[in-house]
Amino acid sequence: MRVKIERTGGFAGIEETVAAYDTDDLPEQEAAKVYDALTAIEATAAQEPAEVGADLMTYRITVGDGPGKVYTVSEEPSPSLAGPLTALLRQ
């Protein structure tokens, strides 16, 4: 499964890829951490109220090939999203 994480927003409208990998290329234990983190983000992100503001920095997480599933997490996420986001960024 492909995972791409982009950091977007800010006054300058930054859009940069901060992580991109395929779980097929990771050791089994690392891939399991990615799946766990994505499960937690999927369960929590939809319930989190979205912050409004074009200048806010956010992480856009795209999972899968093509358009895939896309999750948006603020740069300062709630505690329930901070751990999973950190796990994804460490890959």
PDB file of N, CA and C in Angstrom:
ATOM      1  N   MET A   1       0.845  -1.162   0.000  1.00  0.00           N
ATOM      2  CA  MET A   1       0.000   0.000   0.000  1.00  0.00           C
ATOM      3  C   MET A   1       0.900   1.237   0.000  1.00  0.00           C
ATOM      4  N   ARG A   2       0.605   2.150  -0.871  1.00  0.00           N
ATOM      5  CA  ARG A   2       1.371   3.386  -0.944  1.00  0.00           C
ATOM      6  C   ARG A   2       0.816   4.426   0.015  1.00  0.00           C
ATOM      7  N   VAL A   3       1.731   5.167   0.637  1.00  0.00           N
ATOM      8  CA  VAL A   3       1.354   6.231   1.558  1.00  0.00           C
ATOM      9  C   VAL A   3       2.155   7.471   1.167  1.00  0.00           C
ATOM     10  N   LYS A   4       1.466   8.581   0.998  1.00  0.00           N
ATOM     11  CA  LYS A   4       2.122   9.853   0.680  1.00  0.00           C
ATOM     12  C   LYS A   4       1.607  10.895   1.659  1.00  0.00           C
ATOM     13  N   ILE A   5       2.525  11.615   2.284  1.00  0.00           N
ATOM     14  CA  ILE A   5       2.141  12.645   3.254  1.00  0.00           C
ATOM     15  C   ILE A   5       2.699  13.974   2.771  1.00  0.00           C
ATOM     16  N   GLU A   6       1.793  14.939   2.594  1.00  0.00           N
ATOM     17  CA  GLU A   6       2.177  16.269   2.150  1.00  0.00           C
ATOM     18  C   GLU A   6       1.833  17.282   3.233  1.00  0.00           C
ATOM     19  N   ARG A   7       2.668  18.264   3.370  1.00  0.00           N
ATOM     20  CA  ARG A   7       2.430  19.377   4.300  1.00  0.00           C
ATOM     21  C   ARG A   7       2.024  20.556   3.435  1.00  0.00           C
ATOM     22  N   THR A   8       0.851  21.131   3.724  1.00  0.00           N
ATOM     23  CA  THR A   8       0.319  22.196   2.886  1.00  0.00           C
ATOM     24  C   THR A   8      -0.172  23.361   3.738  1.00  0.00           C
ATOM     25  N   GLY A   9      -0.297  24.520   3.092  1.00  0.00           N
ATOM     26  CA  GLY A   9      -0.891  25.678   3.741  1.00  0.00           C
ATOM     27  C   GLY A   9       0.118  26.761   4.054  1.00  0.00           C
ATOM     28  N   GLY A  10      -0.218  27.555   5.055  1.00  0.00           N
ATOM     29  CA  GLY A  10       0.631  28.670   5.429  1.00  0.00           C
ATOM     30  C   GLY A  10       0.369  29.881   4.553  1.00  0.00           C
ATOM     31  N   PHE A  11       0.957  30.996   4.926  1.00  0.00           N
ATOM     32  CA  PHE A  11       0.763  32.233   4.171  1.00  0.00           C
ATOM     33  C   PHE A  11       1.277  32.109   2.736  1.00  0.00           C
ATOM     34  N   ALA A  12       2.338  31.344   2.553  1.00  0.00           N
ATOM     35  CA  ALA A  12       2.934  31.200   1.219  1.00  0.00           C
ATOM     36  C   ALA A  12       2.291  30.088   0.406  1.00  0.00           C
ATOM     37  N   GLY A  13       1.350  29.369   0.973  1.00  0.00           N
ATOM     38  CA  GLY A  13       0.698  28.274   0.253  1.00  0.00           C
ATOM     39  C   GLY A  13       1.645  27.127  -0.040  1.00  0.00           C
ATOM     40  N   ILE A  14       2.442  26.790   0.931  1.00  0.00           N
ATOM     41  CA  ILE A  14       3.430  25.720   0.777  1.00  0.00           C
ATOM     42  C   ILE A  14       2.735  24.397   0.456  1.00  0.00           C
ATOM     43  N   GLU A  15       3.370  23.617  -0.385  1.00  0.00           N
ATOM     44  CA  GLU A  15       2.912  22.255  -0.660  1.00  0.00           C
ATOM     45  C   GLU A  15       4.157  21.400  -0.877  1.00  0.00           C
ATOM     46  N   GLU A  16       4.499  20.601   0.132  1.00  0.00           N
ATOM     47  CA  GLU A  16       5.701  19.785   0.042  1.00  0.00           C
ATOM     48  C   GLU A  16       5.415  18.367   0.506  1.00  0.00           C
ATOM     49  N   THR A  17       6.047  17.418  -0.145  1.00  0.00           N
ATOM     50  CA  THR A  17       5.933  16.021   0.258  1.00  0.00           C
ATOM     51  C   THR A  17       6.942  15.781   1.368  1.00  0.00           C
ATOM     52  N   VAL A  18       6.461  15.331   2.523  1.00  0.00           N
ATOM     53  CA  VAL A  18       7.354  15.086   3.664  1.00  0.00           C
ATOM     54  C   VAL A  18       7.621  13.600   3.878  1.00  0.00           C
ATOM     55  N   ALA A  19       6.814  12.741   3.269  1.00  0.00           N
ATOM     56  CA  ALA A  19       7.045  11.298   3.349  1.00  0.00           C
ATOM     57  C   ALA A  19       6.280  10.620   2.211  1.00  0.00           C
ATOM     58  N   ALA A  20       6.906   9.596   1.651  1.00  0.00           N
ATOM     59  CA  ALA A  20       6.256   8.781   0.620  1.00  0.00           C
ATOM     60  C   ALA A  20       6.917   7.412   0.645  1.00  0.00           C
ATOM     61  N   TYR A  21       6.108   6.383   0.783  1.00  0.00           N
ATOM     62  CA  TYR A  21       6.647   5.028   0.837  1.00  0.00           C
ATOM     63  C   TYR A  21       5.562   4.023   0.505  1.00  0.00           C
ATOM     64  N   ASP A  22       5.998   2.784   0.299  1.00  0.00           N
ATOM     65  CA  ASP A  22       5.097   1.678   0.033  1.00  0.00           C
ATOM     66  C   ASP A  22       5.297   0.662   1.152  1.00  0.00           C
ATOM     67  N   THR A  23       4.230   0.241   1.791  1.00  0.00           N
ATOM     68  CA  THR A  23       4.360  -0.702   2.905  1.00  0.00           C
ATOM     69  C   THR A  23       4.941  -2.040   2.452  1.00  0.00           C
ATOM     70  N   ASP A  24       4.833  -2.352   1.169  1.00  0.00           N
ATOM     71  CA  ASP A  24       5.426  -3.597   0.652  1.00  0.00           C
ATOM     72  C   ASP A  24       6.949  -3.571   0.746  1.00  0.00           C
ATOM     73  N   ASP A  25       7.521  -2.375   0.797  1.00  0.00           N
ATOM     74  CA  ASP A  25       8.975  -2.224   0.876  1.00  0.00           C
ATOM     75  C   ASP A  25       9.491  -2.152   2.311  1.00  0.00           C
ATOM     76  N   LEU A  26       8.589  -2.119   3.281  1.00  0.00           N
ATOM     77  CA  LEU A  26       8.977  -2.004   4.687  1.00  0.00           C
ATOM     78  C   LEU A  26       9.058  -3.382   5.337  1.00  0.00           C
ATOM     79  N   PRO A  27       9.884  -3.508   6.392  1.00  0.00           N
ATOM     80  CA  PRO A  27       9.848  -4.747   7.176  1.00  0.00           C
ATOM     81  C   PRO A  27       8.446  -4.956   7.747  1.00  0.00           C
ATOM     82  N   GLU A  28       8.097  -6.189   7.978  1.00  0.00           N
ATOM     83  CA  GLU A  28       6.740  -6.534   8.431  1.00  0.00           C
ATOM     84  C   GLU A  28       6.318  -5.755   9.678  1.00  0.00           C
ATOM     85  N   GLN A  29       7.218  -5.617  10.629  1.00  0.00           N
ATOM     86  CA  GLN A  29       6.901  -4.916  11.881  1.00  0.00           C
ATOM     87  C   GLN A  29       6.625  -3.430  11.626  1.00  0.00           C
ATOM     88  N   GLU A  30       7.400  -2.807  10.745  1.00  0.00           N
ATOM     89  CA  GLU A  30       7.196  -1.398  10.417  1.00  0.00           C
ATOM     90  C   GLU A  30       5.891  -1.199   9.645  1.00  0.00           C
ATOM     91  N   ALA A  31       5.608  -2.116   8.727  1.00  0.00           N
ATOM     92  CA  ALA A  31       4.368  -2.040   7.955  1.00  0.00           C
ATOM     93  C   ALA A  31       3.161  -2.163   8.888  1.00  0.00           C
ATOM     94  N   ALA A  32       3.256  -3.012   9.897  1.00  0.00           N
ATOM     95  CA  ALA A  32       2.162  -3.168  10.866  1.00  0.00           C
ATOM     96  C   ALA A  32       1.917  -1.859  11.611  1.00  0.00           C
ATOM     97  N   LYS A  33       2.990  -1.139  11.944  1.00  0.00           N
ATOM     98  CA  LYS A  33       2.841   0.162  12.624  1.00  0.00           C
ATOM     99  C   LYS A  33       2.115   1.160  11.726  1.00  0.00           C
ATOM    100  N   VAL A  34       2.421   1.123  10.434  1.00  0.00           N
ATOM    101  CA  VAL A  34       1.754   2.019   9.486  1.00  0.00           C
ATOM    102  C   VAL A  34       0.266   1.686   9.420  1.00  0.00           C
ATOM    103  N   TYR A  35      -0.064   0.405   9.291  1.00  0.00           N
ATOM    104  CA  TYR A  35      -1.476   0.003   9.234  1.00  0.00           C
ATOM    105  C   TYR A  35      -2.214   0.419  10.514  1.00  0.00           C
ATOM    106  N   ASP A  36      -1.598   0.233  11.667  1.00  0.00           N
ATOM    107  CA  ASP A  36      -2.215   0.629  12.944  1.00  0.00           C
ATOM    108  C   ASP A  36      -2.447   2.134  12.987  1.00  0.00           C
ATOM    109  N   ALA A  37      -1.451   2.905  12.544  1.00  0.00           N
ATOM    110  CA  ALA A  37      -1.571   4.367  12.556  1.00  0.00           C
ATOM    111  C   ALA A  37      -2.683   4.821  11.615  1.00  0.00           C
ATOM    112  N   LEU A  38      -2.763   4.213  10.434  1.00  0.00           N
ATOM    113  CA  LEU A  38      -3.814   4.588   9.482  1.00  0.00           C
ATOM    114  C   LEU A  38      -5.196   4.218   9.991  1.00  0.00           C
ATOM    115  N   THR A  39      -5.305   3.090  10.677  1.00  0.00           N
ATOM    116  CA  THR A  39      -6.587   2.694  11.267  1.00  0.00           C
ATOM    117  C   THR A  39      -7.021   3.717  12.308  1.00  0.00           C
ATOM    118  N   ALA A  40      -6.087   4.167  13.133  1.00  0.00           N
ATOM    119  CA  ALA A  40      -6.397   5.165  14.162  1.00  0.00           C
ATOM    120  C   ALA A  40      -6.786   6.503  13.531  1.00  0.00           C
ATOM    121  N   ILE A  41      -6.085   6.894  12.486  1.00  0.00           N
ATOM    122  CA  ILE A  41      -6.410   8.160  11.811  1.00  0.00           C
ATOM    123  C   ILE A  41      -7.767   8.073  11.149  1.00  0.00           C
ATOM    124  N   GLU A  42      -8.048   6.953  10.504  1.00  0.00           N
ATOM    125  CA  GLU A  42      -9.354   6.793   9.839  1.00  0.00           C
ATOM    126  C   GLU A  42     -10.499   6.861  10.850  1.00  0.00           C
ATOM    127  N   ALA A  43     -10.310   6.255  12.003  1.00  0.00           N
ATOM    128  CA  ALA A  43     -11.359   6.242  13.024  1.00  0.00           C
ATOM    129  C   ALA A  43     -11.542   7.596  13.685  1.00  0.00           C
ATOM    130  N   THR A  44     -10.479   8.372  13.798  1.00  0.00           N
ATOM    131  CA  THR A  44     -10.524   9.617  14.560  1.00  0.00           C
ATOM    132  C   THR A  44     -10.689  10.856  13.695  1.00  0.00           C
ATOM    133  N   ALA A  45     -10.046  10.904  12.539  1.00  0.00           N
ATOM    134  CA  ALA A  45     -10.018  12.117  11.716  1.00  0.00           C
ATOM    135  C   ALA A  45     -11.412  12.570  11.298  1.00  0.00           C
ATOM    136  N   ALA A  46     -12.281  11.638  10.987  1.00  0.00           N
ATOM    137  CA  ALA A  46     -13.634  11.998  10.554  1.00  0.00           C
ATOM    138  C   ALA A  46     -14.436  12.637  11.678  1.00  0.00           C
ATOM    139  N   GLN A  47     -14.096  12.322  12.923  1.00  0.00           N
ATOM    140  CA  GLN A  47     -14.834  12.850  14.067  1.00  0.00           C
ATOM    141  C   GLN A  47     -14.280  14.177  14.570  1.00  0.00           C
ATOM    142  N   GLU A  48     -13.065  14.521  14.136  1.00  0.00           N
ATOM    143  CA  GLU A  48     -12.421  15.748  14.584  1.00  0.00           C
ATOM    144  C   GLU A  48     -13.013  16.933  13.822  1.00  0.00           C
ATOM    145  N   PRO A  49     -13.326  18.024  14.510  1.00  0.00           N
ATOM    146  CA  PRO A  49     -13.782  19.211  13.786  1.00  0.00           C
ATOM    147  C   PRO A  49     -12.627  19.802  12.981  1.00  0.00           C
ATOM    148  N   ALA A  50     -12.893  20.175  11.760  1.00  0.00           N
ATOM    149  CA  ALA A  50     -11.854  20.740  10.893  1.00  0.00           C
ATOM    150  C   ALA A  50     -11.624  22.203  11.259  1.00  0.00           C
ATOM    151  N   GLU A  51     -10.357  22.583  11.357  1.00  0.00           N
ATOM    152  CA  GLU A  51     -10.025  23.973  11.611  1.00  0.00           C
ATOM    153  C   GLU A  51     -10.182  24.736  10.307  1.00  0.00           C
ATOM    154  N   VAL A  52     -10.601  25.979  10.417  1.00  0.00           N
ATOM    155  CA  VAL A  52     -10.833  26.799   9.238  1.00  0.00           C
ATOM    156  C   VAL A  52      -9.750  27.865   9.167  1.00  0.00           C
ATOM    157  N   GLY A  53      -9.214  28.064   7.982  1.00  0.00           N
ATOM    158  CA  GLY A  53      -8.210  29.096   7.776  1.00  0.00           C
ATOM    159  C   GLY A  53      -7.251  28.679   6.696  1.00  0.00           C
ATOM    160  N   ALA A  54      -7.172  29.468   5.631  1.00  0.00           N
ATOM    161  CA  ALA A  54      -6.317  29.117   4.505  1.00  0.00           C
ATOM    162  C   ALA A  54      -4.845  29.130   4.881  1.00  0.00           C
ATOM    163  N   ASP A  55      -4.486  29.865   5.923  1.00  0.00           N
ATOM    164  CA  ASP A  55      -3.077  29.964   6.293  1.00  0.00           C
ATOM    165  C   ASP A  55      -2.639  28.905   7.294  1.00  0.00           C
ATOM    166  N   LEU A  56      -3.536  28.021   7.698  1.00  0.00           N
ATOM    167  CA  LEU A  56      -3.170  26.970   8.636  1.00  0.00           C
ATOM    168  C   LEU A  56      -2.414  25.859   7.919  1.00  0.00           C
ATOM    169  N   MET A  57      -1.388  25.352   8.564  1.00  0.00           N
ATOM    170  CA  MET A  57      -0.626  24.237   8.003  1.00  0.00           C
ATOM    171  C   MET A  57      -1.361  22.935   8.321  1.00  0.00           C
ATOM    172  N   THR A  58      -1.423  22.059   7.336  1.00  0.00           N
ATOM    173  CA  THR A  58      -2.059  20.757   7.518  1.00  0.00           C
ATOM    174  C   THR A  58      -1.232  19.674   6.845  1.00  0.00           C
ATOM    175  N   TYR A  59      -1.472  18.438   7.258  1.00  0.00           N
ATOM    176  CA  TYR A  59      -0.891  17.270   6.603  1.00  0.00           C
ATOM    177  C   TYR A  59      -1.995  16.598   5.812  1.00  0.00           C
ATOM    178  N   ARG A  60      -1.723  16.334   4.543  1.00  0.00           N
ATOM    179  CA  ARG A  60      -2.666  15.605   3.690  1.00  0.00           C
ATOM    180  C   ARG A  60      -2.058  14.224   3.481  1.00  0.00           C
ATOM    181  N   ILE A  61      -2.765  13.197   3.943  1.00  0.00           N
ATOM    182  CA  ILE A  61      -2.280  11.821   3.875  1.00  0.00           C
ATOM    183  C   ILE A  61      -3.092  11.093   2.809  1.00  0.00           C
ATOM    184  N   THR A  62      -2.403  10.653   1.757  1.00  0.00           N
ATOM    185  CA  THR A  62      -3.060   9.925   0.677  1.00  0.00           C
ATOM    186  C   THR A  62      -2.628   8.466   0.778  1.00  0.00           C
ATOM    187  N   VAL A  63      -3.610   7.573   0.814  1.00  0.00           N
ATOM    188  CA  VAL A  63      -3.347   6.149   0.984  1.00  0.00           C
ATOM    189  C   VAL A  63      -3.882   5.395  -0.220  1.00  0.00           C
ATOM    190  N   GLY A  64      -3.032   4.593  -0.846  1.00  0.00           N
ATOM    191  CA  GLY A  64      -3.443   3.783  -1.984  1.00  0.00           C
ATOM    192  C   GLY A  64      -2.953   4.351  -3.298  1.00  0.00           C
ATOM    193  N   ASP A  65      -3.226   3.633  -4.366  1.00  0.00           N
ATOM    194  CA  ASP A  65      -2.832   4.057  -5.707  1.00  0.00           C
ATOM    195  C   ASP A  65      -3.879   5.003  -6.275  1.00  0.00           C
ATOM    196  N   GLY A  66      -3.471   5.825  -7.219  1.00  0.00           N
ATOM    197  CA  GLY A  66      -4.404   6.761  -7.843  1.00  0.00           C
ATOM    198  C   GLY A  66      -4.900   7.762  -6.826  1.00  0.00           C
ATOM    199  N   PRO A  67      -6.204   8.085  -6.879  1.00  0.00           N
ATOM    200  CA  PRO A  67      -6.719   9.072  -5.926  1.00  0.00           C
ATOM    201  C   PRO A  67      -6.698   8.560  -4.485  1.00  0.00           C
ATOM    202  N   GLY A  68      -6.889   7.267  -4.295  1.00  0.00           N
ATOM    203  CA  GLY A  68      -6.837   6.669  -2.958  1.00  0.00           C
ATOM    204  C   GLY A  68      -7.743   7.354  -1.956  1.00  0.00           C
ATOM    205  N   LYS A  69      -7.521   7.059  -0.699  1.00  0.00           N
ATOM    206  CA  LYS A  69      -8.236   7.718   0.393  1.00  0.00           C
ATOM    207  C   LYS A  69      -7.367   8.875   0.862  1.00  0.00           C
ATOM    208  N   VAL A  70      -7.991   9.982   1.205  1.00  0.00           N
ATOM    209  CA  VAL A  70      -7.246  11.149   1.645  1.00  0.00           C
ATOM    210  C   VAL A  70      -7.757  11.576   3.012  1.00  0.00           C
ATOM    211  N   TYR A  71      -6.810  11.776   3.937  1.00  0.00           N
ATOM    212  CA  TYR A  71      -7.122  12.254   5.282  1.00  0.00           C
ATOM    213  C   TYR A  71      -6.379  13.563   5.489  1.00  0.00           C
ATOM    214  N   THR A  72      -7.001  14.479   6.193  1.00  0.00           N
ATOM    215  CA  THR A  72      -6.366  15.757   6.498  1.00  0.00           C
ATOM    216  C   THR A  72      -6.250  15.891   8.006  1.00  0.00           C
ATOM    217  N   VAL A  73      -5.038  16.212   8.451  1.00  0.00           N
ATOM    218  CA  VAL A  73      -4.755  16.359   9.876  1.00  0.00           C
ATOM    219  C   VAL A  73      -4.047  17.687  10.066  1.00  0.00           C
ATOM    220  N   SER A  74      -4.477  18.478  11.043  1.00  0.00           N
ATOM    221  CA  SER A  74      -3.844  19.771  11.281  1.00  0.00           C
ATOM    222  C   SER A  74      -2.416  19.583  11.767  1.00  0.00           C
ATOM    223  N   GLU A  75      -1.601  20.620  11.584  1.00  0.00           N
ATOM    224  CA  GLU A  75      -0.201  20.533  12.001  1.00  0.00           C
ATOM    225  C   GLU A  75      -0.086  20.390  13.514  1.00  0.00           C
ATOM    226  N   GLU A  76      -1.069  20.853  14.233  1.00  0.00           N
ATOM    227  CA  GLU A  76      -1.116  20.683  15.686  1.00  0.00           C
ATOM    228  C   GLU A  76      -2.324  19.808  16.011  1.00  0.00           C
ATOM    229  N   PRO A  77      -2.192  18.497  15.777  1.00  0.00           N
ATOM    230  CA  PRO A  77      -3.344  17.602  15.929  1.00  0.00           C
ATOM    231  C   PRO A  77      -3.710  17.366  17.392  1.00  0.00           C
ATOM    232  N   SER A  78      -4.913  16.871  17.578  1.00  0.00           N
ATOM    233  CA  SER A  78      -5.357  16.475  18.915  1.00  0.00           C
ATOM    234  C   SER A  78      -4.476  15.318  19.387  1.00  0.00           C
ATOM    235  N   PRO A  79      -4.444  15.070  20.689  1.00  0.00           N
ATOM    236  CA  PRO A  79      -3.617  13.962  21.199  1.00  0.00           C
ATOM    237  C   PRO A  79      -3.947  12.608  20.561  1.00  0.00           C
ATOM    238  N   SER A  80      -5.208  12.399  20.199  1.00  0.00           N
ATOM    239  CA  SER A  80      -5.588  11.113  19.610  1.00  0.00           C
ATOM    240  C   SER A  80      -5.038  10.937  18.192  1.00  0.00           C
ATOM    241  N   LEU A  81      -4.662  12.027  17.522  1.00  0.00           N
ATOM    242  CA  LEU A  81      -4.095  11.940  16.182  1.00  0.00           C
ATOM    243  C   LEU A  81      -2.586  12.156  16.154  1.00  0.00           C
ATOM    244  N   ALA A  82      -2.044  12.750  17.195  1.00  0.00           N
ATOM    245  CA  ALA A  82      -0.614  13.079  17.225  1.00  0.00           C
ATOM    246  C   ALA A  82       0.260  11.826  17.133  1.00  0.00           C
ATOM    247  N   GLY A  83      -0.054  10.808  17.907  1.00  0.00           N
ATOM    248  CA  GLY A  83       0.733   9.576  17.895  1.00  0.00           C
ATOM    249  C   GLY A  83       0.726   8.883  16.541  1.00  0.00           C
ATOM    250  N   PRO A  84      -0.467   8.656  15.957  1.00  0.00           N
ATOM    251  CA  PRO A  84      -0.508   8.016  14.645  1.00  0.00           C
ATOM    252  C   PRO A  84       0.194   8.831  13.556  1.00  0.00           C
ATOM    253  N   LEU A  85       0.043  10.161  13.592  1.00  0.00           N
ATOM    254  CA  LEU A  85       0.704  10.996  12.609  1.00  0.00           C
ATOM    255  C   LEU A  85       2.228  10.898  12.742  1.00  0.00           C
ATOM    256  N   THR A  86       2.711  10.912  13.954  1.00  0.00           N
ATOM    257  CA  THR A  86       4.148  10.768  14.210  1.00  0.00           C
ATOM    258  C   THR A  86       4.658   9.435  13.680  1.00  0.00           C
ATOM    259  N   ALA A  87       3.904   8.362  13.893  1.00  0.00           N
ATOM    260  CA  ALA A  87       4.308   7.040  13.403  1.00  0.00           C
ATOM    261  C   ALA A  87       4.413   7.031  11.880  1.00  0.00           C
ATOM    262  N   LEU A  88       3.499   7.688  11.200  1.00  0.00           N
ATOM    263  CA  LEU A  88       3.546   7.732   9.742  1.00  0.00           C
ATOM    264  C   LEU A  88       4.722   8.559   9.234  1.00  0.00           C
ATOM    265  N   LEU A  89       5.028   9.646   9.916  1.00  0.00           N
ATOM    266  CA  LEU A  89       6.118  10.514   9.490  1.00  0.00           C
ATOM    267  C   LEU A  89       7.491   9.890   9.719  1.00  0.00           C
ATOM    268  N   ARG A  90       7.594   8.942  10.635  1.00  0.00           N
ATOM    269  CA  ARG A  90       8.877   8.318  10.938  1.00  0.00           C
ATOM    270  C   ARG A  90       9.291   7.285   9.907  1.00  0.00           C
ATOM    271  N   GLN A  91       8.412   6.886   9.020  1.00  0.00           N
ATOM    272  CA  GLN A  91       8.744   5.831   8.045  1.00  0.00           C
ATOM    273  C   GLN A  91       9.658   6.336   6.989  1.00  0.00           C
TER     274      GLN A  91
END
